């Protein structure tokens, strides 16, 4: 029995950055209006909505009904509005739920929106402390210690030891798993810098990116240390911004602009299984990728372009391996060789990735999808991957044990 086809008919995004004068409601309205215009869709055509945000409750005391506040203020009434908080994978998880809703015949046209304000300079300690909520608060510290112990065989050079300033706990975790990857596979700090330099180079041509300046590998290596081997330009910044998607089934597409719609071939959300850290096939991101390829009836070699969750440069290395775009342990090598750059064998993060484009957590998954829709339409300008036909997004969220707490892999096709 064939499944109902699901389409992304419209995408909308705000510029990303630090916006003290812009609210969640304002950014949401901008992204949603842009997505509706892109799809040729009216407000009254939306039959259900998913809204993703992770920080507003903590910083503004707005709990529970964030989507209703943001979307009803914009004018969306009567329809069901669902709030999805799944850490950094919130809006890609919202998309997964919208797809199921549409396939069940409960609606024909749905909206997925994500918005985040992360920059609150008057609450600086809380800005970094907020990340602790995406760990298991009861056992998270012991889980982190296990990761640090595993990485002990790759000691931090003496010159780079000590406290290097405020940062999220996630940066220390990413640094530890990067060191273990270096120990196990021979990955180098220069290869990490190659990932970051490539993404900064891509971001020059993304008008919505938070940072749009090119950097060389040596400049990345010389940047301020965050947690060895990670420098500042290898790490995603605090970002404010929003993104929205208009999603529909075949019946809904009849009422929208069909000419630029992109088909959803797979959407898989996974939580982890108990496995040895050296078992790459048991990792949460790999489980989601295998399931997505099976759903799409495709193979990694079919992928033309990918957007992956580079909250740090090491995140990209690991996720290119999870997606099967290279063998386990080869992610650093293919980046250094230029295979993941525009013009290379498999371009990754032509948007600039999280490290350059920005990482407004609740919006990040939808931003990845928006970039890939733009690529598959052939509308990405100077960052366009020629002939892109199949696109994959890998989005992770939170920490549990030695890996993400949630992984979402989405595959799109023309």
Protein backbone atom coordinates (compact mmCIF):
# COMPACT_ATOMS: atom_id res chain seq x y z
CA UNK A 1 0.00 0.00 0.00
CA UNK A 2 1.54 3.30 -1.10
CA UNK A 3 1.84 6.17 1.34
CA UNK A 4 0.23 9.56 0.83
CA UNK A 5 2.71 11.99 -0.72
CA UNK A 6 3.73 14.91 1.47
CA UNK A 7 5.12 18.17 0.12
CA UNK A 8 6.96 21.23 1.38
CA UNK A 9 5.16 23.96 -0.54
CA UNK A 10 6.56 27.03 1.16
CA UNK A 11 9.53 28.07 3.29
CA UNK A 12 10.24 31.26 5.17
CA UNK A 13 13.13 32.42 7.37
CA UNK A 14 14.22 35.54 9.18
CA UNK A 15 17.79 36.80 9.16
CA UNK A 16 19.67 35.26 12.08
CA UNK A 17 21.60 37.25 14.65
CA UNK A 18 21.21 38.98 18.02
CA UNK A 19 18.05 41.07 18.09
CA UNK A 20 17.37 42.81 21.38
CA UNK A 21 14.48 44.74 19.83
CA UNK A 22 12.62 41.78 18.28
CA UNK A 23 10.19 39.45 20.08
CA UNK A 24 9.29 35.82 19.47
CA UNK A 25 5.93 37.01 18.12
CA UNK A 26 7.52 39.43 15.68
CA UNK A 27 10.05 36.93 14.34
CA UNK A 28 7.43 34.19 14.05
CA UNK A 29 5.09 36.47 12.09
CA UNK A 30 7.87 37.41 9.67
CA UNK A 31 8.86 33.79 8.98
CA UNK A 32 5.27 32.55 8.68
CA UNK A 33 4.18 35.32 6.34
CA UNK A 34 7.21 34.63 4.16
CA UNK A 35 6.43 30.89 4.03
CA UNK A 36 2.78 31.48 3.14
CA UNK A 37 3.71 33.91 0.37
CA UNK A 38 6.24 31.39 -0.93
CA UNK A 39 3.56 28.68 -1.10
CA UNK A 40 0.80 30.86 -2.51
CA UNK A 41 -1.13 30.05 0.66
CA UNK A 42 -3.59 32.12 2.68
CA UNK A 43 -3.82 32.16 6.47
CA UNK A 44 -7.31 30.65 6.28
CA UNK A 45 -5.93 27.62 4.41
CA UNK A 46 -3.84 26.45 7.41
CA UNK A 47 -5.68 23.60 9.16
CA UNK A 48 -3.15 22.68 11.88
CA UNK A 49 0.11 24.08 13.23
CA UNK A 50 3.19 22.98 15.16
CA UNK A 51 5.29 25.55 17.02
CA UNK A 52 8.79 24.92 18.39
CA UNK A 53 10.63 26.89 21.05
CA UNK A 54 12.93 25.87 23.91
CA UNK A 55 13.90 29.06 25.75
CA UNK A 56 10.90 31.35 26.17
CA UNK A 57 9.64 29.65 29.31
CA UNK A 58 13.00 30.00 31.05
CA UNK A 59 13.78 33.57 30.01
CA UNK A 60 10.34 35.15 29.76
CA UNK A 61 8.17 32.93 31.96
CA UNK A 62 6.05 31.97 28.94
CA UNK A 63 5.36 28.28 29.48
CA UNK A 64 2.91 25.80 28.04
CA UNK A 65 1.15 27.78 25.31
CA UNK A 66 3.99 29.42 23.46
CA UNK A 67 2.60 28.42 20.05
CA UNK A 68 -0.85 29.73 20.85
CA UNK A 69 0.66 33.04 21.99
CA UNK A 70 2.86 33.45 18.91
CA UNK A 71 0.44 32.18 16.26
CA UNK A 72 -2.86 33.54 17.59
CA UNK A 73 -1.23 36.93 17.94
CA UNK A 74 -0.41 36.64 14.26
CA UNK A 75 -4.05 35.78 13.52
CA UNK A 76 -4.21 31.99 13.36
CA UNK A 77 -7.44 30.97 15.08
CA UNK A 78 -9.68 27.93 15.58
CA UNK A 79 -7.17 25.34 14.25
CA UNK A 80 -5.24 22.95 16.52
CA UNK A 81 -1.85 24.32 17.58
CA UNK A 82 0.70 21.91 19.04
CA UNK A 83 3.84 22.88 20.97
CA UNK A 84 6.94 20.77 20.27
CA UNK A 85 10.04 21.08 22.43
CA UNK A 86 12.59 18.43 21.51
CA UNK A 87 15.76 20.39 22.22
CA UNK A 88 17.71 21.36 19.08
CA UNK A 89 15.59 18.94 17.03
CA UNK A 90 12.31 20.64 17.96
CA UNK A 91 11.10 21.93 14.59
CA UNK A 92 12.28 18.88 12.62
CA UNK A 93 10.30 16.83 15.15
CA UNK A 94 7.34 19.15 14.57
CA UNK A 95 7.64 18.46 10.85
CA UNK A 96 7.62 14.71 11.52
CA UNK A 97 4.38 15.07 13.49
CA UNK A 98 2.79 17.28 10.85
CA UNK A 99 3.61 14.67 8.20
CA UNK A 100 1.86 11.97 10.23
CA UNK A 101 -1.17 14.23 10.76
CA UNK A 102 -1.46 14.95 7.04
CA UNK A 103 -1.04 11.29 6.09
CA UNK A 104 -3.78 10.39 8.57
CA UNK A 105 -6.14 12.66 6.65
CA UNK A 106 -6.73 14.97 9.63
CA UNK A 107 -5.72 18.00 7.53
CA UNK A 108 -4.51 18.83 4.04
CA UNK A 109 -2.33 21.88 4.78
CA UNK A 110 -0.28 22.43 7.93
CA UNK A 111 2.20 24.94 9.28
CA UNK A 112 5.45 24.14 11.09
CA UNK A 113 7.18 27.09 12.75
CA UNK A 114 10.15 27.46 15.07
CA UNK A 115 11.37 30.61 16.79
CA UNK A 116 14.01 31.31 19.41
CA UNK A 117 15.54 34.17 21.35
CA UNK A 118 18.80 33.02 22.93
CA UNK A 119 20.58 36.35 23.42
CA UNK A 120 19.70 37.97 26.74
CA UNK A 121 22.83 39.94 27.73
CA UNK A 122 21.32 40.92 31.09
CA UNK A 123 20.94 37.20 31.89
CA UNK A 124 24.34 36.02 30.67
CA UNK A 125 24.80 33.23 33.22
CA UNK A 126 21.36 31.86 32.39
CA UNK A 127 22.14 31.97 28.65
CA UNK A 128 24.81 29.32 29.20
CA UNK A 129 23.10 27.52 32.07
CA UNK A 130 19.98 26.97 29.97
CA UNK A 131 21.72 24.16 28.10
CA UNK A 132 21.70 22.02 31.23
CA UNK A 133 17.98 21.46 30.69
CA UNK A 134 18.75 19.39 27.59
CA UNK A 135 20.54 16.77 29.71
CA UNK A 136 19.16 14.32 32.26
CA UNK A 137 19.53 16.49 35.37
CA UNK A 138 19.67 13.46 37.64
CA UNK A 139 22.43 11.49 35.90
CA UNK A 140 23.77 13.88 33.25
CA UNK A 141 26.92 14.85 35.12
CA UNK A 142 27.95 11.22 35.62
CA UNK A 143 27.26 10.54 31.94
CA UNK A 144 29.46 13.47 30.98
CA UNK A 145 32.23 12.20 33.23
CA UNK A 146 32.15 8.85 31.40
CA UNK A 147 32.69 10.70 28.12
CA UNK A 148 35.54 12.74 29.60
CA UNK A 149 37.15 9.56 30.96
CA UNK A 150 36.91 7.88 27.57
CA UNK A 151 38.69 10.84 25.98
CA UNK A 152 41.49 10.88 28.58
CA UNK A 153 43.76 8.93 26.25
CA UNK A 154 43.96 12.07 24.11
CA UNK A 155 45.14 14.58 26.74
CA UNK A 156 44.64 18.29 26.33
CA UNK A 157 47.98 19.95 25.55
CA UNK A 158 49.29 21.78 28.61
CA UNK A 159 49.20 25.15 26.86
CA UNK A 160 45.44 24.80 26.33
CA UNK A 161 44.40 23.57 29.76
CA UNK A 162 42.44 25.70 32.20
CA UNK A 163 39.25 27.73 32.06
CA UNK A 164 38.73 29.65 28.81
CA UNK A 165 35.59 31.59 29.70
CA UNK A 166 31.83 31.11 29.71
CA UNK A 167 30.44 28.47 27.39
CA UNK A 168 27.68 25.90 27.31
CA UNK A 169 28.36 22.47 28.77
CA UNK A 170 27.68 21.12 25.29
CA UNK A 171 30.97 22.60 24.07
CA UNK A 172 32.90 20.57 26.66
CA UNK A 173 30.99 17.45 25.64
CA UNK A 174 31.64 18.03 21.93
CA UNK A 175 35.32 18.66 22.70
CA UNK A 176 35.57 15.37 24.60
CA UNK A 177 33.89 13.29 21.87
CA UNK A 178 36.10 15.04 19.32
CA UNK A 179 39.21 14.06 21.30
CA UNK A 180 38.03 10.47 21.45
CA UNK A 181 37.47 10.49 17.68
CA UNK A 182 41.00 11.86 17.29
CA UNK A 183 42.32 9.08 19.51
CA UNK A 184 40.44 6.34 17.71
CA UNK A 185 40.67 7.42 14.07
CA UNK A 186 43.53 9.92 13.86
CA UNK A 187 41.26 12.89 13.20
CA UNK A 188 43.21 16.14 13.58
CA UNK A 189 42.44 19.60 14.87
CA UNK A 190 43.29 20.89 11.40
CA UNK A 191 40.51 18.72 9.95
CA UNK A 192 38.08 20.25 12.43
CA UNK A 193 39.26 23.66 11.29
CA UNK A 194 38.74 22.63 7.67
CA UNK A 195 35.05 21.96 8.43
CA UNK A 196 34.62 25.37 10.03
CA UNK A 197 36.54 27.22 7.31
CA UNK A 198 34.43 25.53 4.64
CA UNK A 199 31.20 26.57 6.33
CA UNK A 200 32.37 30.15 6.86
CA UNK A 201 33.26 30.24 3.16
CA UNK A 202 29.77 28.97 2.23
CA UNK A 203 28.07 31.55 4.46
CA UNK A 204 29.31 34.43 2.29
CA UNK A 205 26.46 33.67 -0.10
CA UNK A 206 23.67 33.22 2.44
CA UNK A 207 22.03 36.63 2.96
CA UNK A 208 20.24 35.39 6.11
CA UNK A 209 23.36 34.03 7.86
CA UNK A 210 24.50 35.44 11.20
CA UNK A 211 28.15 35.51 10.06
CA UNK A 212 29.05 36.12 6.41
CA UNK A 213 32.83 36.39 6.43
CA UNK A 214 35.19 33.80 4.99
CA UNK A 215 37.89 32.30 7.20
CA UNK A 216 40.96 30.26 6.36
CA UNK A 217 41.91 27.10 8.21
CA UNK A 218 44.76 28.93 9.92
CA UNK A 219 42.43 31.73 11.01
CA UNK A 220 40.05 29.19 12.52
CA UNK A 221 42.91 27.53 14.39
CA UNK A 222 44.16 30.89 15.70
CA UNK A 223 40.74 31.95 17.01
CA UNK A 224 39.88 32.11 20.72
CA UNK A 225 39.91 28.68 22.37
CA UNK A 226 36.58 27.45 23.71
CA UNK A 227 37.39 23.89 24.80
CA UNK A 228 40.30 22.09 23.20
CA UNK A 229 40.38 21.19 20.32
CA UNK A 230 37.47 23.57 19.56
CA UNK A 231 38.01 27.25 18.82
CA UNK A 232 35.25 29.85 18.72
CA UNK A 233 34.76 29.75 14.95
CA UNK A 234 34.28 25.96 15.15
CA UNK A 235 31.24 26.48 17.43
CA UNK A 236 27.70 27.70 16.80
CA UNK A 237 26.86 31.12 18.27
CA UNK A 238 23.89 32.22 20.35
CA UNK A 239 21.25 33.14 17.78
CA UNK A 240 17.84 34.75 17.53
CA UNK A 241 15.58 33.95 14.59
CA UNK A 242 12.64 32.01 13.18
CA UNK A 243 11.72 29.69 10.32
CA UNK A 244 8.46 28.31 8.96
CA UNK A 245 7.32 25.60 6.56
CA UNK A 246 4.01 25.11 4.74
CA UNK A 247 3.46 21.35 4.50
CA UNK A 248 0.67 19.61 2.60
CA UNK A 249 -0.61 16.37 1.07
CA UNK A 250 -1.69 15.97 -2.55
CA UNK A 251 -5.15 17.41 -1.90
CA UNK A 252 -3.64 20.43 -0.20
CA UNK A 253 -1.13 20.95 -2.99
CA UNK A 254 -3.98 21.38 -5.45
CA UNK A 255 -4.84 24.63 -3.64
CA UNK A 256 -1.26 25.95 -3.55
CA UNK A 257 1.58 26.79 -5.93
CA UNK A 258 2.55 23.34 -7.26
CA UNK A 259 5.42 24.54 -9.42
CA UNK A 260 8.07 24.73 -6.68
CA UNK A 261 6.87 22.13 -4.17
CA UNK A 262 9.45 19.62 -2.91
CA UNK A 263 8.48 16.11 -1.85
CA UNK A 264 9.26 14.65 1.57
CA UNK A 265 10.74 11.21 0.90
CA UNK A 266 11.43 10.27 4.53
CA UNK A 267 11.21 11.65 8.06
CA UNK A 268 12.57 9.55 10.92
CA UNK A 269 12.92 10.43 14.59
CA UNK A 270 14.98 8.18 16.87
CA UNK A 271 15.93 7.89 20.50
CA UNK A 272 19.01 5.90 21.45
CA UNK A 273 19.69 2.31 22.38
CA UNK A 274 22.19 0.96 24.86
CA UNK A 275 25.34 0.23 22.90
CA UNK A 276 29.10 0.41 23.17
CA UNK A 277 30.49 3.80 22.19
CA UNK A 278 32.70 2.09 19.61
CA UNK A 279 29.66 0.54 17.87
CA UNK A 280 29.03 3.16 15.18
CA UNK A 281 26.03 1.24 13.81
CA UNK A 282 24.28 1.48 17.18
CA UNK A 283 24.52 5.26 17.46
CA UNK A 284 21.29 7.22 17.51
CA UNK A 285 22.12 9.29 14.43
CA UNK A 286 23.03 6.21 12.45
CA UNK A 287 19.79 4.46 13.46
CA UNK A 288 17.76 7.44 12.23
CA UNK A 289 19.71 7.60 8.97
CA UNK A 290 19.31 3.90 8.17
CA UNK A 291 15.57 4.12 8.85
CA UNK A 292 15.25 7.22 6.64
CA UNK A 293 17.07 5.63 3.71
CA UNK A 294 14.87 2.56 4.04
CA UNK A 295 11.71 4.70 4.06
CA UNK A 296 12.89 6.67 1.01
CA UNK A 297 14.11 3.60 -0.87
CA UNK A 298 17.45 5.33 -1.37
CA UNK A 299 21.13 4.91 -0.56
CA UNK A 300 23.70 7.45 0.71
CA UNK A 301 25.21 7.64 -2.75
CA UNK A 302 21.93 9.11 -4.03
CA UNK A 303 22.27 12.22 -1.84
CA UNK A 304 23.22 15.40 -3.72
CA UNK A 305 23.45 17.82 -0.79
CA UNK A 306 23.16 17.67 3.00
CA UNK A 307 22.53 20.01 5.92
CA UNK A 308 23.84 18.55 9.17
CA UNK A 309 23.88 19.66 12.79
CA UNK A 310 27.30 21.29 13.19
CA UNK A 311 26.75 22.80 16.63
CA UNK A 312 30.52 22.32 16.50
CA UNK A 313 32.75 21.35 13.61
CA UNK A 314 33.03 17.88 15.10
CA UNK A 315 29.25 17.53 14.88
CA UNK A 316 29.50 17.78 11.10
CA UNK A 317 32.25 15.18 10.97
CA UNK A 318 30.21 12.71 12.99
CA UNK A 319 26.96 13.30 11.13
CA UNK A 320 28.49 12.90 7.68
CA UNK A 321 29.64 9.50 8.93
CA UNK A 322 26.19 8.71 10.36
CA UNK A 323 24.55 9.58 7.03
CA UNK A 324 26.89 7.17 5.26
CA UNK A 325 28.43 9.95 3.17
CA UNK A 326 31.79 8.47 4.17
CA UNK A 327 33.07 5.56 6.23
CA UNK A 328 33.23 5.78 10.04
CA UNK A 329 36.31 7.78 10.98
CA UNK A 330 36.58 9.41 7.55
CA UNK A 331 34.57 12.58 8.20
CA UNK A 332 37.60 14.73 8.94
CA UNK A 333 39.55 13.43 5.96
CA UNK A 334 36.80 14.17 3.41
CA UNK A 335 36.38 17.69 4.78
CA UNK A 336 40.11 18.41 4.57
CA UNK A 337 40.16 17.00 1.03
CA UNK A 338 37.40 19.40 -0.07
CA UNK A 339 34.82 16.70 -0.76
CA UNK A 340 32.15 18.43 1.34
CA UNK A 341 32.69 21.92 -0.08
CA UNK A 342 30.61 23.43 -2.86
CA UNK A 343 32.00 21.88 -6.01
CA UNK A 344 33.08 18.77 -4.12
CA UNK A 345 31.74 15.22 -4.20
CA UNK A 346 28.98 15.79 -1.62
CA UNK A 347 28.45 19.40 -0.50
CA UNK A 348 27.53 19.66 3.18
CA UNK A 349 26.06 22.76 4.84
CA UNK A 350 26.01 25.10 1.83
CA UNK A 351 23.93 27.42 4.06
CA UNK A 352 27.01 27.97 6.23
CA UNK A 353 25.78 25.48 8.81
CA UNK A 354 24.96 26.26 12.41
CA UNK A 355 28.45 27.65 13.07
CA UNK A 356 28.08 30.46 10.49
CA UNK A 357 24.39 30.65 9.55
CA UNK A 358 23.37 30.52 13.23
CA UNK A 359 21.63 28.16 15.63
CA UNK A 360 18.33 29.49 17.06
CA UNK A 361 17.57 26.15 18.66
CA UNK A 362 13.80 25.88 18.21
CA UNK A 363 14.08 26.97 14.57
CA UNK A 364 17.19 25.04 13.55
CA UNK A 365 15.52 21.95 12.07
CA UNK A 366 13.13 24.05 9.97
CA UNK A 367 16.06 26.21 8.83
CA UNK A 368 17.84 23.08 7.56
CA UNK A 369 14.73 22.06 5.62
CA UNK A 370 14.34 25.57 4.23
CA UNK A 371 17.88 25.52 2.86
CA UNK A 372 17.43 22.11 1.26
CA UNK A 373 14.13 23.11 -0.36
CA UNK A 374 15.91 26.14 -1.80
CA UNK A 375 18.69 23.90 -3.13
CA UNK A 376 16.30 21.41 -4.73
CA UNK A 377 14.40 24.26 -6.39
CA UNK A 378 17.69 25.50 -7.87
CA UNK A 379 17.21 28.88 -6.21
CA UNK A 380 20.28 29.11 -3.94
CA UNK A 381 22.28 31.52 -6.11
CA UNK A 382 26.05 31.44 -5.59
CA UNK A 383 25.75 28.65 -3.00
CA UNK A 384 23.70 26.44 -5.34
CA UNK A 385 24.72 22.77 -5.66
CA UNK A 386 24.41 22.10 -9.39
CA UNK A 387 21.86 19.44 -10.31
CA UNK A 388 20.76 18.79 -6.74
CA UNK A 389 17.96 16.21 -6.76
CA UNK A 390 18.05 14.42 -3.37
CA UNK A 391 18.77 16.19 -0.09
CA UNK A 392 19.29 14.93 3.47
CA UNK A 393 19.05 16.79 6.79
CA UNK A 394 20.48 15.41 10.05
CA UNK A 395 19.37 17.26 13.17
CA UNK A 396 20.29 16.28 16.74
CA UNK A 397 18.99 17.45 20.08
CA UNK A 398 20.10 17.27 23.70
CA UNK A 399 22.56 14.88 25.32
CA UNK A 400 22.05 11.45 26.80
CA UNK A 401 25.08 9.37 27.57
CA UNK A 402 27.75 9.72 24.94
CA UNK A 403 25.48 10.96 22.15
CA UNK A 404 22.42 13.05 21.30
CA UNK A 405 19.15 12.43 23.12
CA UNK A 406 17.13 12.70 19.90
CA UNK A 407 18.05 12.42 16.22
CA UNK A 408 15.94 13.39 13.23
CA UNK A 409 16.84 12.58 9.62
CA UNK A 410 14.73 14.01 6.80
CA UNK A 411 15.15 13.21 3.10
CA UNK A 412 13.68 15.42 0.38
CA UNK A 413 13.49 15.00 -3.37
CA UNK A 414 12.42 16.96 -6.44
